Amino acid sequence: MSRFGIRRRLKAKLGRTNQVEEQEVERFTVLFHLPDGTQAEVETEAHYTLHMVSQMLETPIEVGCPDGHCGGCLVDLIEDSGMQVMGERELTVIRDEHKRDPAEDERLACHARVLGPGVEVRVHKVWSLEDIRGE
């Protein structure tokens, strides 16, 4: 910076400041149909997996592994207009673990990313409170 603050003055005149502008983050709702017949809505942002979003539920989606290779978190998409398309890795895990091609509406909660509004999911397995608490 110059002794007289010339750069600062020029940036101010041109509307360029060092302040980071806060961008509004778009939030939307994912609707979960739970195994007990109830429904729960969770507000989320883009790029979270269904498993990550389900962490806001009282009992999140059950996953059998920490790295997305077991295929145990299979869910059914009722509405998928806000979902990322299935990737090759997710497809491979379903084929390897379930010994079949996935149905059109099946996804792995640990792989499937939410990109926008319009997501409704039928969950088959959630953690029990005893599993979560360690009882």
N, C-alpha and C. Protein backbone atom coordinates (compact mmCIF):
# COMPACT_ATOMS: atom_id res chain seq x y z
N MET A 1 0.87 -1.17 0.00
CA MET A 1 0.00 0.00 0.00
C MET A 1 0.90 1.22 0.00
N SER A 2 0.49 2.18 -0.78
CA SER A 2 1.29 3.40 -0.84
C SER A 2 1.10 4.22 0.43
N ARG A 3 2.00 5.12 0.60
CA ARG A 3 1.98 5.96 1.78
C ARG A 3 0.69 6.80 1.85
N PHE A 4 0.13 7.14 0.71
CA PHE A 4 -1.04 8.03 0.69
C PHE A 4 -2.36 7.28 0.50
N GLY A 5 -2.32 5.97 0.47
CA GLY A 5 -3.55 5.18 0.33
C GLY A 5 -4.18 5.28 -1.04
N ILE A 6 -3.35 5.43 -2.08
CA ILE A 6 -3.89 5.62 -3.43
C ILE A 6 -4.65 4.38 -3.90
N ARG A 7 -4.11 3.20 -3.66
CA ARG A 7 -4.80 1.97 -4.08
C ARG A 7 -6.16 1.83 -3.40
N ARG A 8 -6.19 2.12 -2.11
CA ARG A 8 -7.45 2.04 -1.37
C ARG A 8 -8.46 3.02 -1.94
N ARG A 9 -8.02 4.23 -2.24
CA ARG A 9 -8.92 5.25 -2.78
C ARG A 9 -9.45 4.86 -4.16
N LEU A 10 -8.57 4.33 -5.00
CA LEU A 10 -8.98 3.89 -6.33
C LEU A 10 -9.99 2.75 -6.25
N LYS A 11 -9.71 1.78 -5.41
CA LYS A 11 -10.63 0.65 -5.24
C LYS A 11 -11.99 1.13 -4.74
N ALA A 12 -11.99 2.06 -3.82
CA ALA A 12 -13.25 2.60 -3.31
C ALA A 12 -14.03 3.31 -4.41
N LYS A 13 -13.34 4.08 -5.24
CA LYS A 13 -14.00 4.80 -6.33
C LYS A 13 -14.54 3.84 -7.38
N LEU A 14 -13.82 2.75 -7.62
CA LEU A 14 -14.26 1.76 -8.61
C LEU A 14 -15.25 0.75 -8.04
N GLY A 15 -15.53 0.86 -6.75
CA GLY A 15 -16.47 -0.06 -6.11
C GLY A 15 -15.86 -1.40 -5.76
N ARG A 16 -14.55 -1.48 -5.75
CA ARG A 16 -13.86 -2.73 -5.40
C ARG A 16 -13.27 -2.59 -4.02
N THR A 17 -13.84 -3.33 -3.09
CA THR A 17 -13.32 -3.29 -1.73
C THR A 17 -12.81 -4.67 -1.36
N ASN A 18 -12.13 -4.76 -0.26
CA ASN A 18 -11.61 -6.04 0.21
C ASN A 18 -12.65 -6.83 0.99
N GLN A 19 -13.81 -6.26 1.17
CA GLN A 19 -14.86 -6.96 1.92
C GLN A 19 -15.45 -8.06 1.04
N VAL A 20 -15.58 -9.23 1.61
CA VAL A 20 -16.17 -10.35 0.89
C VAL A 20 -17.69 -10.20 0.96
N GLU A 21 -18.31 -10.18 -0.21
CA GLU A 21 -19.76 -10.06 -0.24
C GLU A 21 -20.37 -11.40 0.14
N GLU A 22 -21.34 -11.32 1.01
CA GLU A 22 -22.02 -12.55 1.42
C GLU A 22 -23.01 -12.94 0.34
N GLN A 23 -22.90 -14.16 -0.11
CA GLN A 23 -23.84 -14.68 -1.10
C GLN A 23 -24.95 -15.39 -0.36
N GLU A 24 -26.15 -15.17 -0.81
CA GLU A 24 -27.27 -15.86 -0.19
C GLU A 24 -27.24 -17.32 -0.63
N VAL A 25 -27.34 -18.19 0.35
CA VAL A 25 -27.33 -19.62 0.08
C VAL A 25 -28.77 -20.07 -0.12
N GLU A 26 -29.01 -20.72 -1.24
CA GLU A 26 -30.36 -21.22 -1.51
C GLU A 26 -30.62 -22.45 -0.65
N ARG A 27 -31.72 -22.42 0.06
CA ARG A 27 -32.12 -23.54 0.91
C ARG A 27 -33.44 -24.08 0.39
N PHE A 28 -33.64 -25.36 0.55
CA PHE A 28 -34.87 -26.01 0.12
C PHE A 28 -35.14 -27.21 1.00
N THR A 29 -36.31 -27.78 0.86
CA THR A 29 -36.77 -28.85 1.74
C THR A 29 -36.73 -30.20 1.05
N VAL A 30 -36.26 -31.21 1.79
CA VAL A 30 -36.30 -32.61 1.36
C VAL A 30 -37.34 -33.30 2.23
N LEU A 31 -38.26 -34.04 1.60
CA LEU A 31 -39.29 -34.76 2.33
C LEU A 31 -38.91 -36.23 2.42
N PHE A 32 -38.82 -36.73 3.66
CA PHE A 32 -38.50 -38.13 3.91
C PHE A 32 -39.76 -38.88 4.33
N HIS A 33 -40.03 -40.03 3.71
CA HIS A 33 -41.08 -40.96 4.14
C HIS A 33 -40.36 -42.05 4.93
N LEU A 34 -40.60 -42.10 6.21
CA LEU A 34 -39.85 -42.97 7.10
C LEU A 34 -40.48 -44.36 7.20
N PRO A 35 -39.72 -45.36 7.64
CA PRO A 35 -40.23 -46.74 7.71
C PRO A 35 -41.46 -46.91 8.60
N ASP A 36 -41.63 -46.06 9.63
CA ASP A 36 -42.78 -46.19 10.52
C ASP A 36 -44.04 -45.54 9.95
N GLY A 37 -43.97 -45.04 8.71
CA GLY A 37 -45.14 -44.45 8.07
C GLY A 37 -45.24 -42.93 8.23
N THR A 38 -44.38 -42.34 9.04
CA THR A 38 -44.42 -40.89 9.22
C THR A 38 -43.59 -40.21 8.14
N GLN A 39 -43.78 -38.90 8.06
CA GLN A 39 -43.02 -38.09 7.13
C GLN A 39 -42.28 -37.01 7.91
N ALA A 40 -41.14 -36.61 7.39
CA ALA A 40 -40.36 -35.54 8.02
C ALA A 40 -39.72 -34.69 6.94
N GLU A 41 -39.79 -33.38 7.15
CA GLU A 41 -39.16 -32.45 6.22
C GLU A 41 -37.86 -31.93 6.84
N VAL A 42 -36.82 -31.81 6.01
CA VAL A 42 -35.54 -31.30 6.46
C VAL A 42 -35.10 -30.22 5.48
N GLU A 43 -34.71 -29.08 6.02
CA GLU A 43 -34.21 -27.99 5.18
C GLU A 43 -32.72 -28.21 4.96
N THR A 44 -32.27 -28.01 3.71
CA THR A 44 -30.87 -28.25 3.37
C THR A 44 -30.39 -27.28 2.31
N GLU A 45 -29.11 -27.39 1.99
CA GLU A 45 -28.48 -26.64 0.91
C GLU A 45 -28.07 -27.64 -0.16
N ALA A 46 -27.67 -27.13 -1.31
CA ALA A 46 -27.24 -27.98 -2.41
C ALA A 46 -25.94 -28.72 -2.07
N HIS A 47 -25.77 -29.86 -2.72
CA HIS A 47 -24.56 -30.69 -2.72
C HIS A 47 -24.39 -31.58 -1.49
N TYR A 48 -25.36 -31.62 -0.60
CA TYR A 48 -25.32 -32.58 0.50
C TYR A 48 -25.89 -33.91 0.02
N THR A 49 -25.36 -35.01 0.54
CA THR A 49 -25.93 -36.32 0.20
C THR A 49 -27.21 -36.51 1.02
N LEU A 50 -28.04 -37.44 0.57
CA LEU A 50 -29.27 -37.74 1.32
C LEU A 50 -28.93 -38.20 2.73
N HIS A 51 -27.85 -38.94 2.88
CA HIS A 51 -27.45 -39.38 4.21
C HIS A 51 -27.09 -38.19 5.09
N MET A 52 -26.35 -37.23 4.55
CA MET A 52 -25.99 -36.05 5.33
C MET A 52 -27.23 -35.25 5.71
N VAL A 53 -28.16 -35.11 4.79
CA VAL A 53 -29.40 -34.39 5.07
C VAL A 53 -30.19 -35.10 6.16
N SER A 54 -30.19 -36.43 6.12
CA SER A 54 -30.97 -37.21 7.11
C SER A 54 -30.42 -37.08 8.52
N GLN A 55 -29.22 -36.54 8.68
CA GLN A 55 -28.65 -36.36 10.02
C GLN A 55 -29.49 -35.40 10.85
N MET A 56 -30.33 -34.61 10.21
CA MET A 56 -31.20 -33.68 10.92
C MET A 56 -32.49 -34.35 11.40
N LEU A 57 -32.73 -35.58 10.99
CA LEU A 57 -33.90 -36.34 11.46
C LEU A 57 -33.63 -36.85 12.87
N GLU A 58 -34.69 -37.19 13.57
CA GLU A 58 -34.52 -37.77 14.91
C GLU A 58 -33.68 -39.04 14.85
N THR A 59 -33.95 -39.87 13.85
CA THR A 59 -33.14 -41.06 13.60
C THR A 59 -32.74 -41.06 12.13
N PRO A 60 -31.45 -40.87 11.83
CA PRO A 60 -30.99 -40.76 10.44
C PRO A 60 -31.02 -42.10 9.70
N ILE A 61 -30.83 -42.01 8.39
CA ILE A 61 -30.77 -43.20 7.54
C ILE A 61 -29.61 -44.08 8.01
N GLU A 62 -29.88 -45.37 8.12
CA GLU A 62 -28.85 -46.32 8.55
C GLU A 62 -27.89 -46.60 7.40
N VAL A 63 -26.61 -46.50 7.69
CA VAL A 63 -25.57 -46.87 6.73
C VAL A 63 -24.72 -47.97 7.35
N GLY A 64 -24.25 -48.88 6.53
CA GLY A 64 -23.51 -50.01 7.06
C GLY A 64 -22.00 -49.87 7.00
N CYS A 65 -21.52 -48.81 6.37
CA CYS A 65 -20.08 -48.64 6.24
C CYS A 65 -19.72 -47.16 6.23
N PRO A 66 -18.48 -46.82 6.51
CA PRO A 66 -18.09 -45.42 6.53
C PRO A 66 -17.66 -44.86 5.17
N ASP A 67 -17.50 -45.72 4.15
CA ASP A 67 -16.92 -45.24 2.90
C ASP A 67 -17.79 -45.44 1.66
N GLY A 68 -19.05 -45.78 1.82
CA GLY A 68 -19.96 -45.86 0.68
C GLY A 68 -19.81 -47.08 -0.20
N HIS A 69 -19.35 -48.19 0.35
CA HIS A 69 -19.16 -49.39 -0.46
C HIS A 69 -20.07 -50.56 -0.12
N CYS A 70 -20.90 -50.45 0.90
CA CYS A 70 -21.68 -51.62 1.33
C CYS A 70 -23.02 -51.73 0.64
N GLY A 71 -23.57 -50.63 0.15
CA GLY A 71 -24.87 -50.67 -0.52
C GLY A 71 -26.04 -50.80 0.43
N GLY A 72 -25.81 -50.61 1.72
CA GLY A 72 -26.86 -50.81 2.72
C GLY A 72 -27.81 -49.66 2.90
N CYS A 73 -27.53 -48.51 2.31
CA CYS A 73 -28.38 -47.34 2.52
C CYS A 73 -29.28 -47.06 1.32
N LEU A 74 -29.77 -48.11 0.70
CA LEU A 74 -30.62 -47.99 -0.48
C LEU A 74 -31.94 -47.31 -0.11
N VAL A 75 -32.32 -46.30 -0.86
CA VAL A 75 -33.59 -45.58 -0.67
C VAL A 75 -34.30 -45.51 -2.01
N ASP A 76 -35.59 -45.19 -1.98
CA ASP A 76 -36.38 -45.00 -3.19
C ASP A 76 -36.68 -43.53 -3.35
N LEU A 77 -36.46 -43.00 -4.53
CA LEU A 77 -36.81 -41.60 -4.81
C LEU A 77 -38.24 -41.55 -5.32
N ILE A 78 -39.08 -40.80 -4.63
CA ILE A 78 -40.46 -40.60 -5.06
C ILE A 78 -40.49 -39.42 -6.04
N GLU A 79 -39.76 -38.38 -5.70
CA GLU A 79 -39.61 -37.20 -6.55
C GLU A 79 -38.12 -36.89 -6.61
N ASP A 80 -37.57 -36.79 -7.82
CA ASP A 80 -36.12 -36.63 -7.94
C ASP A 80 -35.68 -35.46 -8.81
N SER A 81 -36.54 -34.48 -8.99
CA SER A 81 -36.19 -33.37 -9.89
C SER A 81 -35.00 -32.55 -9.39
N GLY A 82 -34.69 -32.62 -8.10
CA GLY A 82 -33.57 -31.87 -7.56
C GLY A 82 -32.34 -32.71 -7.27
N MET A 83 -32.29 -33.92 -7.82
CA MET A 83 -31.18 -34.82 -7.52
C MET A 83 -30.12 -34.82 -8.62
N GLN A 84 -28.88 -35.04 -8.20
CA GLN A 84 -27.79 -35.25 -9.14
C GLN A 84 -28.00 -36.62 -9.79
N VAL A 85 -27.62 -36.76 -11.05
CA VAL A 85 -27.76 -38.06 -11.71
C VAL A 85 -26.82 -39.07 -11.07
N MET A 86 -27.17 -40.35 -11.19
CA MET A 86 -26.37 -41.40 -10.58
C MET A 86 -25.00 -41.48 -11.26
N GLY A 87 -23.98 -41.54 -10.43
CA GLY A 87 -22.61 -41.64 -10.94
C GLY A 87 -22.20 -43.10 -11.12
N GLU A 88 -21.10 -43.28 -11.80
CA GLU A 88 -20.59 -44.63 -12.09
C GLU A 88 -20.25 -45.39 -10.81
N ARG A 89 -19.67 -44.72 -9.82
CA ARG A 89 -19.30 -45.39 -8.57
C ARG A 89 -20.53 -45.91 -7.83
N GLU A 90 -21.57 -45.08 -7.76
CA GLU A 90 -22.81 -45.51 -7.10
C GLU A 90 -23.42 -46.70 -7.83
N LEU A 91 -23.45 -46.65 -9.15
CA LEU A 91 -23.98 -47.74 -9.96
C LEU A 91 -23.20 -49.03 -9.72
N THR A 92 -21.89 -48.92 -9.66
CA THR A 92 -21.03 -50.08 -9.43
C THR A 92 -21.30 -50.70 -8.06
N VAL A 93 -21.45 -49.88 -7.03
CA VAL A 93 -21.71 -50.40 -5.68
C VAL A 93 -23.04 -51.15 -5.65
N ILE A 94 -24.07 -50.59 -6.25
CA ILE A 94 -25.37 -51.27 -6.27
C ILE A 94 -25.26 -52.59 -7.01
N ARG A 95 -24.61 -52.60 -8.16
CA ARG A 95 -24.45 -53.84 -8.92
C ARG A 95 -23.65 -54.88 -8.15
N ASP A 96 -22.57 -54.46 -7.51
CA ASP A 96 -21.72 -55.41 -6.78
C ASP A 96 -22.40 -55.96 -5.53
N GLU A 97 -23.06 -55.09 -4.77
CA GLU A 97 -23.62 -55.51 -3.49
C GLU A 97 -25.02 -56.13 -3.60
N HIS A 98 -25.80 -55.70 -4.56
CA HIS A 98 -27.17 -56.21 -4.69
C HIS A 98 -27.32 -57.18 -5.86
N LYS A 99 -26.24 -57.39 -6.60
CA LYS A 99 -26.18 -58.36 -7.70
C LYS A 99 -27.27 -58.12 -8.75
N ARG A 100 -27.53 -56.83 -9.02
CA ARG A 100 -28.53 -56.46 -10.03
C ARG A 100 -28.34 -55.00 -10.38
N ASP A 101 -28.94 -54.61 -11.49
CA ASP A 101 -28.97 -53.20 -11.83
C ASP A 101 -30.00 -52.51 -10.94
N PRO A 102 -29.77 -51.26 -10.59
CA PRO A 102 -30.74 -50.56 -9.73
C PRO A 102 -32.03 -50.26 -10.49
N ALA A 103 -33.12 -50.25 -9.75
CA ALA A 103 -34.39 -49.80 -10.33
C ALA A 103 -34.26 -48.31 -10.63
N GLU A 104 -35.11 -47.80 -11.47
CA GLU A 104 -35.02 -46.40 -11.89
C GLU A 104 -35.08 -45.43 -10.72
N ASP A 105 -35.81 -45.79 -9.67
CA ASP A 105 -35.99 -44.87 -8.54
C ASP A 105 -35.08 -45.17 -7.36
N GLU A 106 -34.20 -46.16 -7.46
CA GLU A 106 -33.32 -46.52 -6.34
C GLU A 106 -32.03 -45.72 -6.36
N ARG A 107 -31.60 -45.31 -5.17
CA ARG A 107 -30.33 -44.60 -5.01
C ARG A 107 -29.70 -45.00 -3.68
N LEU A 108 -28.41 -44.78 -3.56
CA LEU A 108 -27.71 -44.97 -2.29
C LEU A 108 -27.66 -43.62 -1.59
N ALA A 109 -28.15 -43.57 -0.36
CA ALA A 109 -28.23 -42.30 0.38
C ALA A 109 -26.85 -41.68 0.60
N CYS A 110 -25.81 -42.49 0.68
CA CYS A 110 -24.47 -41.97 0.93
C CYS A 110 -23.81 -41.40 -0.33
N HIS A 111 -24.36 -41.69 -1.49
CA HIS A 111 -23.82 -41.20 -2.76
C HIS A 111 -24.70 -40.12 -3.40
N ALA A 112 -26.01 -40.24 -3.26
CA ALA A 112 -26.95 -39.38 -3.98
C ALA A 112 -26.93 -37.96 -3.41
N ARG A 113 -26.60 -37.01 -4.25
CA ARG A 113 -26.51 -35.60 -3.84
C ARG A 113 -27.73 -34.81 -4.27
N VAL A 114 -28.19 -33.97 -3.33
CA VAL A 114 -29.31 -33.08 -3.58
C VAL A 114 -28.76 -31.81 -4.20
N LEU A 115 -29.33 -31.39 -5.34
CA LEU A 115 -28.85 -30.19 -6.02
C LEU A 115 -29.86 -29.05 -5.98
N GLY A 116 -31.12 -29.37 -5.72
CA GLY A 116 -32.14 -28.33 -5.72
C GLY A 116 -33.45 -28.84 -5.13
N PRO A 117 -34.49 -28.03 -5.22
CA PRO A 117 -35.78 -28.43 -4.66
C PRO A 117 -36.42 -29.56 -5.47
N GLY A 118 -37.40 -30.19 -4.87
CA GLY A 118 -38.13 -31.25 -5.55
C GLY A 118 -37.60 -32.63 -5.25
N VAL A 119 -37.25 -32.88 -3.98
CA VAL A 119 -36.72 -34.19 -3.60
C VAL A 119 -37.62 -34.79 -2.52
N GLU A 120 -38.09 -36.01 -2.80
CA GLU A 120 -38.92 -36.76 -1.86
C GLU A 120 -38.39 -38.19 -1.85
N VAL A 121 -38.15 -38.73 -0.66
CA VAL A 121 -37.42 -39.99 -0.52
C VAL A 121 -38.17 -40.95 0.39
N ARG A 122 -38.25 -42.22 -0.02
CA ARG A 122 -38.77 -43.28 0.85
C ARG A 122 -37.58 -44.01 1.44
N VAL A 123 -37.49 -43.99 2.77
CA VAL A 123 -36.37 -44.59 3.50
C VAL A 123 -36.78 -45.97 3.99
N HIS A 124 -35.90 -46.95 3.82
CA HIS A 124 -36.20 -48.33 4.25
C HIS A 124 -35.69 -48.63 5.66
N LYS A 125 -34.50 -48.07 6.00
CA LYS A 125 -33.93 -48.37 7.31
C LYS A 125 -33.36 -47.10 7.93
N VAL A 126 -33.68 -46.88 9.20
CA VAL A 126 -33.08 -45.80 9.97
C VAL A 126 -32.42 -46.41 11.19
N TRP A 127 -31.49 -45.68 11.77
CA TRP A 127 -30.88 -46.15 13.01
C TRP A 127 -31.93 -46.17 14.09
N SER A 128 -31.85 -47.12 14.97
CA SER A 128 -32.74 -47.12 16.14
C SER A 128 -32.10 -46.22 17.18
N LEU A 129 -32.92 -45.68 18.06
CA LEU A 129 -32.39 -44.81 19.13
C LEU A 129 -31.42 -45.58 20.01
N GLU A 130 -31.65 -46.88 20.17
CA GLU A 130 -30.74 -47.69 20.98
C GLU A 130 -29.36 -47.77 20.31
N ASP A 131 -29.35 -47.88 18.97
CA ASP A 131 -28.08 -47.92 18.25
C ASP A 131 -27.33 -46.60 18.40
N ILE A 132 -28.07 -45.49 18.31
CA ILE A 132 -27.46 -44.18 18.40
C ILE A 132 -26.92 -43.91 19.79
N ARG A 133 -27.69 -44.28 20.80
CA ARG A 133 -27.28 -44.03 22.19
C ARG A 133 -26.29 -45.05 22.69
N GLY A 134 -26.21 -46.20 22.03
CA GLY A 134 -25.29 -47.24 22.46
C GLY A 134 -25.83 -48.09 23.57
N GLU A 135 -27.15 -48.20 23.65
CA GLU A 135 -27.76 -49.02 24.71
C GLU A 135 -27.83 -50.46 24.31
